[in-house]
Amino acid sequence: MGQILVRKIDDEALERLKRLAADRKTSVEALARQAIEREAEQRTVGELRDLRSEFEKFSRSLPNEGVDSAVLLRALRDGNETDD
């Protein structure tokens, strides 16, 4: 597992983190680890752009009108193709 050292943390912020950690019955290190992991799970701008592109491509593949959405949803659920 990797490690980092964080320097120049505001003294007041560190004191608030210590109180928060005590309230939650955990350590400041655990709080920092949770915050880092939560941020690391966020998607990058490039990932969001790729998702949007995939969604738009999928959206264009859908019929525009005159199709019973229940038929499409059932086909998607069951993994079947539909001609509707």
C-alpha atoms as a PDB file:
ATOM      1  CA  MET A   1       0.000   0.000   0.000  1.00  0.00           C
ATOM      2  CA  GLY A   2       1.194   3.469  -0.838  1.00  0.00           C
ATOM      3  CA  GLN A   3       1.769   6.311   1.553  1.00  0.00           C
ATOM      4  CA  ILE A   4       1.730  10.093   1.350  1.00  0.00           C
ATOM      5  CA  LEU A   5       2.804  12.840   3.690  1.00  0.00           C
ATOM      6  CA  VAL A   6       0.648  15.952   3.773  1.00  0.00           C
ATOM      7  CA  ARG A   7       2.436  19.109   4.871  1.00  0.00           C
ATOM      8  CA  LYS A   8       1.199  22.589   5.717  1.00  0.00           C
ATOM      9  CA  ILE A   9      -2.228  21.658   7.084  1.00  0.00           C
ATOM     10  CA  ASP A  10      -3.896  24.622   8.725  1.00  0.00           C
ATOM     11  CA  ASP A  11      -3.707  24.241  12.525  1.00  0.00           C
ATOM     12  CA  GLU A  12      -7.393  25.063  12.997  1.00  0.00           C
ATOM     13  CA  ALA A  13      -8.407  22.566  10.320  1.00  0.00           C
ATOM     14  CA  LEU A  14      -6.293  19.884  11.975  1.00  0.00           C
ATOM     15  CA  GLU A  15      -7.890  20.591  15.357  1.00  0.00           C
ATOM     16  CA  ARG A  16     -11.364  20.319  13.813  1.00  0.00           C
ATOM     17  CA  LEU A  17     -10.355  17.018  12.217  1.00  0.00           C
ATOM     18  CA  LYS A  18      -9.136  15.737  15.580  1.00  0.00           C
ATOM     19  CA  ARG A  19     -12.465  16.631  17.194  1.00  0.00           C
ATOM     20  CA  LEU A  20     -14.370  15.053  14.316  1.00  0.00           C
ATOM     21  CA  ALA A  21     -12.268  11.894  14.569  1.00  0.00           C
ATOM     22  CA  ALA A  22     -12.877  11.711  18.311  1.00  0.00           C
ATOM     23  CA  ASP A  23     -16.630  12.175  17.801  1.00  0.00           C
ATOM     24  CA  ARG A  24     -16.614   9.339  15.278  1.00  0.00           C
ATOM     25  CA  LYS A  25     -14.340   7.188  17.428  1.00  0.00           C
ATOM     26  CA  THR A  26     -11.712   6.926  14.705  1.00  0.00           C
ATOM     27  CA  SER A  27      -8.358   8.489  13.855  1.00  0.00           C
ATOM     28  CA  VAL A  28      -7.465  11.552  11.815  1.00  0.00           C
ATOM     29  CA  GLU A  29      -5.521   9.196   9.549  1.00  0.00           C
ATOM     30  CA  ALA A  30      -8.659   7.110   8.950  1.00  0.00           C
ATOM     31  CA  LEU A  31     -10.647  10.259   8.124  1.00  0.00           C
ATOM     32  CA  ALA A  32      -7.947  11.365   5.691  1.00  0.00           C
ATOM     33  CA  ARG A  33      -7.840   7.909   4.084  1.00  0.00           C
ATOM     34  CA  GLN A  34     -11.624   7.930   3.627  1.00  0.00           C
ATOM     35  CA  ALA A  35     -11.518  11.400   2.058  1.00  0.00           C
ATOM     36  CA  ILE A  36      -8.706  10.413  -0.313  1.00  0.00           C
ATOM     37  CA  GLU A  37     -10.460   7.206  -1.344  1.00  0.00           C
ATOM     38  CA  ARG A  38     -13.745   9.058  -1.881  1.00  0.00           C
ATOM     39  CA  GLU A  39     -12.031  11.613  -4.124  1.00  0.00           C
ATOM     40  CA  ALA A  40     -10.116   8.916  -6.005  1.00  0.00           C
ATOM     41  CA  GLU A  41     -13.442   7.286  -6.930  1.00  0.00           C
ATOM     42  CA  GLN A  42     -14.635  10.441  -8.705  1.00  0.00           C
ATOM     43  CA  ARG A  43     -14.658  10.264 -12.490  1.00  0.00           C
ATOM     44  CA  THR A  44     -12.262  12.415 -14.456  1.00  0.00           C
ATOM     45  CA  VAL A  45     -13.438  14.904 -17.069  1.00  0.00           C
ATOM     46  CA  GLY A  46     -12.254  12.507 -19.778  1.00  0.00           C
ATOM     47  CA  GLU A  47     -14.191   9.606 -18.264  1.00  0.00           C
ATOM     48  CA  LEU A  48     -17.335  11.741 -18.059  1.00  0.00           C
ATOM     49  CA  ARG A  49     -16.856  12.832 -21.676  1.00  0.00           C
ATOM     50  CA  ASP A  50     -16.533   9.172 -22.750  1.00  0.00           C
ATOM     51  CA  LEU A  51     -19.682   8.220 -20.815  1.00  0.00           C
ATOM     52  CA  ARG A  52     -21.592  11.076 -22.395  1.00  0.00           C
ATOM     53  CA  SER A  53     -20.426   9.996 -25.838  1.00  0.00           C
ATOM     54  CA  GLU A  54     -21.524   6.409 -25.178  1.00  0.00           C
ATOM     55  CA  PHE A  55     -24.903   7.611 -23.913  1.00  0.00           C
ATOM     56  CA  GLU A  56     -25.430   9.849 -26.947  1.00  0.00           C
ATOM     57  CA  LYS A  57     -24.503   7.001 -29.297  1.00  0.00           C
ATOM     58  CA  PHE A  58     -26.943   4.682 -27.499  1.00  0.00           C
ATOM     59  CA  SER A  59     -29.617   7.381 -27.523  1.00  0.00           C
ATOM     60  CA  ARG A  60     -29.277   7.830 -31.294  1.00  0.00           C
ATOM     61  CA  SER A  61     -29.757   4.083 -31.764  1.00  0.00           C
ATOM     62  CA  LEU A  62     -33.201   4.198 -30.140  1.00  0.00           C
ATOM     63  CA  PRO A  63     -36.338   4.609 -32.248  1.00  0.00           C
ATOM     64  CA  ASN A  64     -37.804   8.082 -32.091  1.00  0.00           C
ATOM     65  CA  GLU A  65     -41.533   7.497 -32.032  1.00  0.00           C
ATOM     66  CA  GLY A  66     -44.350   5.049 -32.534  1.00  0.00           C
ATOM     67  CA  VAL A  67     -42.750   2.333 -30.446  1.00  0.00           C
ATOM     68  CA  ASP A  68     -44.236   0.853 -27.308  1.00  0.00           C
ATOM     69  CA  SER A  69     -41.614   1.542 -24.655  1.00  0.00           C
ATOM     70  CA  ALA A  70     -42.756  -1.506 -22.676  1.00  0.00           C
ATOM     71  CA  VAL A  71     -41.702  -3.729 -25.600  1.00  0.00           C
ATOM     72  CA  LEU A  72     -38.271  -2.086 -25.701  1.00  0.00           C
ATOM     73  CA  LEU A  73     -37.796  -2.336 -21.957  1.00  0.00           C
ATOM     74  CA  ARG A  74     -38.730  -6.011 -21.938  1.00  0.00           C
ATOM     75  CA  ALA A  75     -36.321  -6.687 -24.806  1.00  0.00           C
ATOM     76  CA  LEU A  76     -33.505  -4.863 -23.015  1.00  0.00           C
ATOM     77  CA  ARG A  77     -34.269  -6.693 -19.775  1.00  0.00           C
ATOM     78  CA  ASP A  78     -34.364 -10.087 -21.451  1.00  0.00           C
ATOM     79  CA  GLY A  79     -31.406  -9.426 -23.753  1.00  0.00           C
ATOM     80  CA  ASN A  80     -33.533  -9.859 -26.868  1.00  0.00           C
ATOM     81  CA  GLU A  81     -33.556  -7.907 -30.096  1.00  0.00           C
ATOM     82  CA  THR A  82     -36.719  -6.123 -31.159  1.00  0.00           C
ATOM     83  CA  ASP A  83     -37.842  -4.925 -34.559  1.00  0.00           C
ATOM     84  CA  ASP A  84     -40.270  -2.376 -33.100  1.00  0.00           C
END
